[in-house]
């Protein structure tokens, strides 16, 4: 279901002084061409540069015992199209993108490159509206589970990354996660099921939504590897 920019902002608890920046971040080039307006490509360019710096600074401060090579491997494991597309999918950015008629019909709003660009454009919009600290904090928060996985295995791939890459290469779809919570508000338990289309591939449980999804992805990856 389509979502307006304002609905997206409310859902993600984003407060823009200039709402036009958010609208621009959600304007795909196909829509821009059809309507003679600016696309999100310039914001994507800005967000791309900011994201690299934000994650580099975050890792520099968070991993004081890591050398340059280790930090670089961790950053590469986080700042890439697969991860950014997965994060954008989790945020449901595709539902709020303004697409041209042909692109919308073809389902391009869920293409990994389009989703990754949208996340970077959103980051660029936050930077222009609220400053580098707010944009950097947003990036670090949204990428937290991927950062943890990359720190644990520099240069490797976590289960969600591997599952995303396999799914996109073999089915041209992105895995979808459904998460429920139980227990006390101060100590919840999260249960996740990962689907590919309507097919459940794996389940997981954890103390956070991200950890439950990682467990589900790991279970699904075992199924995929086993054929």
Protein backbone atom coordinates (compact mmCIF):
# COMPACT_ATOMS: atom_id res chain seq x y z
CA UNK A 1 0.00 0.00 0.00
CA UNK A 2 1.32 3.42 -0.95
CA UNK A 3 2.38 5.71 1.87
CA UNK A 4 2.73 9.48 1.86
CA UNK A 5 5.94 11.23 2.84
CA UNK A 6 4.22 12.61 5.94
CA UNK A 7 3.04 9.16 6.99
CA UNK A 8 6.58 7.83 6.53
CA UNK A 9 8.00 10.66 8.64
CA UNK A 10 5.52 9.99 11.43
CA UNK A 11 6.17 6.26 11.37
CA UNK A 12 9.96 6.72 11.53
CA UNK A 13 9.70 9.59 14.03
CA UNK A 14 11.42 12.00 11.64
CA UNK A 15 10.71 15.71 12.06
CA UNK A 16 11.53 17.79 9.00
CA UNK A 17 11.55 21.57 9.15
CA UNK A 18 11.58 21.53 5.35
CA UNK A 19 9.08 18.87 4.25
CA UNK A 20 10.14 19.48 0.66
CA UNK A 21 13.46 17.77 1.33
CA UNK A 22 11.71 14.58 2.37
CA UNK A 23 9.46 14.75 -0.68
CA UNK A 24 12.54 15.17 -2.87
CA UNK A 25 14.30 12.21 -1.23
CA UNK A 26 11.34 10.03 -2.20
CA UNK A 27 11.19 11.18 -5.84
CA UNK A 28 12.53 8.50 -8.16
CA UNK A 29 14.04 9.67 -11.48
CA UNK A 30 11.22 7.99 -13.41
CA UNK A 31 8.66 10.21 -11.66
CA UNK A 32 10.85 13.27 -12.10
CA UNK A 33 11.07 12.75 -15.87
CA UNK A 34 7.33 12.28 -16.25
CA UNK A 35 6.46 15.37 -14.20
CA UNK A 36 9.34 17.69 -15.02
CA UNK A 37 10.62 17.95 -11.45
CA UNK A 38 13.90 17.23 -9.69
CA UNK A 39 14.73 13.64 -8.68
CA UNK A 40 16.41 12.32 -5.55
CA UNK A 41 19.72 11.67 -7.33
CA UNK A 42 21.51 14.74 -5.98
CA UNK A 43 20.39 13.91 -2.45
CA UNK A 44 21.53 10.31 -3.01
CA UNK A 45 24.96 11.61 -4.02
CA UNK A 46 25.14 13.67 -0.83
CA UNK A 47 23.86 10.85 1.37
CA UNK A 48 26.34 8.39 -0.11
CA UNK A 49 29.26 10.62 0.86
CA UNK A 50 27.82 11.28 4.31
CA UNK A 51 27.13 7.61 4.99
CA UNK A 52 30.73 6.61 4.36
CA UNK A 53 31.99 9.31 6.73
CA UNK A 54 29.35 8.60 9.39
CA UNK A 55 30.09 4.88 9.54
CA UNK A 56 33.86 5.46 9.44
CA UNK A 57 33.63 7.82 12.42
CA UNK A 58 31.28 5.47 14.25
CA UNK A 59 33.67 2.54 13.81
CA UNK A 60 36.71 4.64 14.72
CA UNK A 61 35.12 5.54 18.06
CA UNK A 62 33.51 2.16 18.69
CA UNK A 63 36.46 -0.09 17.83
CA UNK A 64 39.59 1.52 19.33
CA UNK A 65 41.60 -1.71 19.14
CA UNK A 66 40.98 -2.30 15.42
CA UNK A 67 43.56 -1.28 12.84
CA UNK A 68 42.91 0.46 9.54
CA UNK A 69 42.55 -2.75 7.57
CA UNK A 70 40.02 -4.22 10.00
CA UNK A 71 38.00 -1.01 10.07
CA UNK A 72 37.92 -0.93 6.28
CA UNK A 73 36.63 -4.51 6.09
CA UNK A 74 33.91 -3.75 8.62
CA UNK A 75 32.86 -0.61 6.75
CA UNK A 76 32.69 -2.51 3.45
CA UNK A 77 30.52 -5.12 5.15
CA UNK A 78 28.05 -2.40 6.16
CA UNK A 79 28.14 0.25 3.43
CA UNK A 80 27.05 -1.71 0.37
CA UNK A 81 23.96 -2.02 -1.79
CA UNK A 82 22.80 -5.31 -0.28
CA UNK A 83 22.76 -3.98 3.26
CA UNK A 84 21.31 -0.58 2.37
CA UNK A 85 18.55 -2.20 0.32
CA UNK A 86 17.70 -4.52 3.21
CA UNK A 87 17.56 -1.60 5.64
CA UNK A 88 15.37 0.37 3.23
CA UNK A 89 13.11 -2.67 2.90
CA UNK A 90 12.84 -2.88 6.69
CA UNK A 91 11.87 0.80 6.76
CA UNK A 92 9.35 0.20 3.92
CA UNK A 93 10.80 3.08 1.92
CA UNK A 94 9.60 1.50 -1.31
CA UNK A 95 5.98 2.08 -0.32
CA UNK A 96 6.59 5.83 -0.07
CA UNK A 97 8.63 6.29 -3.26
CA UNK A 98 7.06 8.37 -6.02
CA UNK A 99 7.61 6.34 -9.18
CA UNK A 100 6.80 6.90 -12.85
CA UNK A 101 3.93 4.84 -14.25
CA UNK A 102 6.14 2.36 -16.08
CA UNK A 103 8.56 1.95 -13.20
CA UNK A 104 5.71 1.44 -10.75
CA UNK A 105 4.12 -1.21 -12.96
CA UNK A 106 7.44 -3.05 -13.20
CA UNK A 107 7.83 -3.04 -9.41
CA UNK A 108 11.09 -1.08 -9.48
CA UNK A 109 10.33 0.40 -6.06
CA UNK A 110 11.52 -2.93 -4.60
CA UNK A 111 14.68 -3.22 -6.69
CA UNK A 112 17.75 -3.26 -4.39
CA UNK A 113 19.57 -0.46 -6.21
CA UNK A 114 16.47 1.77 -6.04
CA UNK A 115 15.98 1.03 -2.34
CA UNK A 116 19.64 1.64 -1.53
CA UNK A 117 19.56 4.96 -3.39
CA UNK A 118 16.39 5.95 -1.53
CA UNK A 119 18.03 5.29 1.83
CA UNK A 120 21.02 7.42 0.89
CA UNK A 121 18.74 10.17 -0.43
CA UNK A 122 16.80 10.13 2.84
CA UNK A 123 20.08 10.42 4.72
CA UNK A 124 21.05 13.39 2.56
CA UNK A 125 17.70 15.05 3.28
CA UNK A 126 18.13 14.57 7.04
CA UNK A 127 21.60 16.09 6.81
CA UNK A 128 20.40 19.21 4.99
CA UNK A 129 17.42 19.64 7.29
CA UNK A 130 18.87 18.72 10.67
CA UNK A 131 22.64 18.60 10.37
CA UNK A 132 25.41 16.05 10.29
CA UNK A 133 24.92 14.79 13.86
CA UNK A 134 21.26 13.86 13.28
CA UNK A 135 22.01 12.20 9.95
CA UNK A 136 24.94 10.25 11.37
CA UNK A 137 22.88 9.10 14.36
CA UNK A 138 20.08 7.94 12.06
CA UNK A 139 22.52 5.98 9.90
CA UNK A 140 24.20 4.32 12.89
CA UNK A 141 20.86 3.38 14.46
CA UNK A 142 19.41 1.86 11.30
CA UNK A 143 22.60 -0.07 10.53
CA UNK A 144 23.25 -1.24 14.10
CA UNK A 145 22.61 -4.95 13.62
CA UNK A 146 24.72 -4.98 10.43
CA UNK A 147 27.53 -3.15 12.21
CA UNK A 148 27.51 -5.72 15.01
CA UNK A 149 27.63 -8.58 12.50
CA UNK A 150 30.46 -6.96 10.55
CA UNK A 151 32.48 -6.33 13.72
CA UNK A 152 32.05 -9.98 14.71
CA UNK A 153 33.18 -11.18 11.29
CA UNK A 154 35.19 -8.49 9.42
CA UNK A 155 35.18 -9.19 5.72
CA UNK A 156 32.51 -11.84 6.07
CA UNK A 157 28.80 -11.81 5.41
CA UNK A 158 26.06 -12.32 7.96
CA UNK A 159 23.08 -14.53 7.31
CA UNK A 160 20.77 -11.69 6.28
CA UNK A 161 23.27 -10.43 3.71
CA UNK A 162 23.79 -13.88 2.24
CA UNK A 163 20.08 -14.60 2.16
CA UNK A 164 19.35 -11.25 0.50
CA UNK A 165 21.98 -11.81 -2.18
CA UNK A 166 20.75 -15.34 -2.89
CA UNK A 167 17.10 -14.28 -3.03
CA UNK A 168 17.77 -11.37 -5.36
CA UNK A 169 19.95 -13.48 -7.68
CA UNK A 170 17.59 -16.45 -7.87
CA UNK A 171 14.08 -15.00 -7.47
CA UNK A 172 14.47 -11.21 -7.90
CA UNK A 173 12.66 -10.77 -4.58
CA UNK A 174 13.78 -9.57 -1.18
CA UNK A 175 13.10 -11.70 1.92
CA UNK A 176 10.30 -10.36 4.14
CA UNK A 177 10.36 -10.57 7.94
CA UNK A 178 7.37 -10.75 10.27
CA UNK A 179 8.18 -10.15 13.93
CA UNK A 180 6.01 -10.52 17.04
CA UNK A 181 6.87 -9.78 20.66
CA UNK A 182 5.86 -11.33 23.95
CA UNK A 183 6.70 -10.97 27.61
CA UNK A 184 6.96 -7.91 29.83
CA UNK A 185 7.49 -4.50 28.26
CA UNK A 186 10.83 -4.11 30.04
CA UNK A 187 12.05 -7.57 29.01
CA UNK A 188 10.41 -8.61 25.73
CA UNK A 189 11.18 -11.63 23.57
CA UNK A 190 10.90 -11.31 19.82
CA UNK A 191 9.98 -14.08 17.38
CA UNK A 192 10.65 -13.67 13.67
CA UNK A 193 9.63 -15.57 10.56
CA UNK A 194 11.37 -14.87 7.26
CA UNK A 195 9.38 -15.33 4.07
CA UNK A 196 10.27 -15.39 0.42
CA UNK A 197 7.02 -14.49 -1.26
CA UNK A 198 4.45 -16.51 0.70
CA UNK A 199 6.89 -19.28 1.61
CA UNK A 200 8.29 -19.31 5.18
CA UNK A 201 12.00 -20.14 5.14
CA UNK A 202 13.07 -19.88 8.76
CA UNK A 203 12.23 -18.76 12.28
CA UNK A 204 14.25 -17.09 15.00
CA UNK A 205 14.00 -15.73 18.53
CA UNK A 206 15.98 -13.00 20.29
CA UNK A 207 15.99 -10.19 22.83
CA UNK A 208 15.68 -7.64 20.04
CA UNK A 209 13.87 -7.50 16.73
CA UNK A 210 17.19 -7.40 14.87
CA UNK A 211 18.58 -10.45 16.65
CA UNK A 212 15.39 -12.42 16.02
CA UNK A 213 15.58 -11.57 12.33
CA UNK A 214 19.24 -12.61 12.21
CA UNK A 215 18.36 -15.95 13.80
CA UNK A 216 15.54 -16.46 11.30
CA UNK A 217 17.86 -15.58 8.42
CA UNK A 218 20.47 -18.05 9.72
CA UNK A 219 17.86 -20.80 9.86
CA UNK A 220 16.67 -19.93 6.36
CA UNK A 221 20.21 -19.92 5.03
CA UNK A 222 20.69 -23.50 6.27
CA UNK A 223 17.59 -24.47 4.30
CA UNK A 224 18.89 -22.69 1.20
CA UNK A 225 22.35 -24.27 1.49
CA UNK A 226 20.80 -27.70 1.90
CA UNK A 227 18.88 -27.27 -1.32
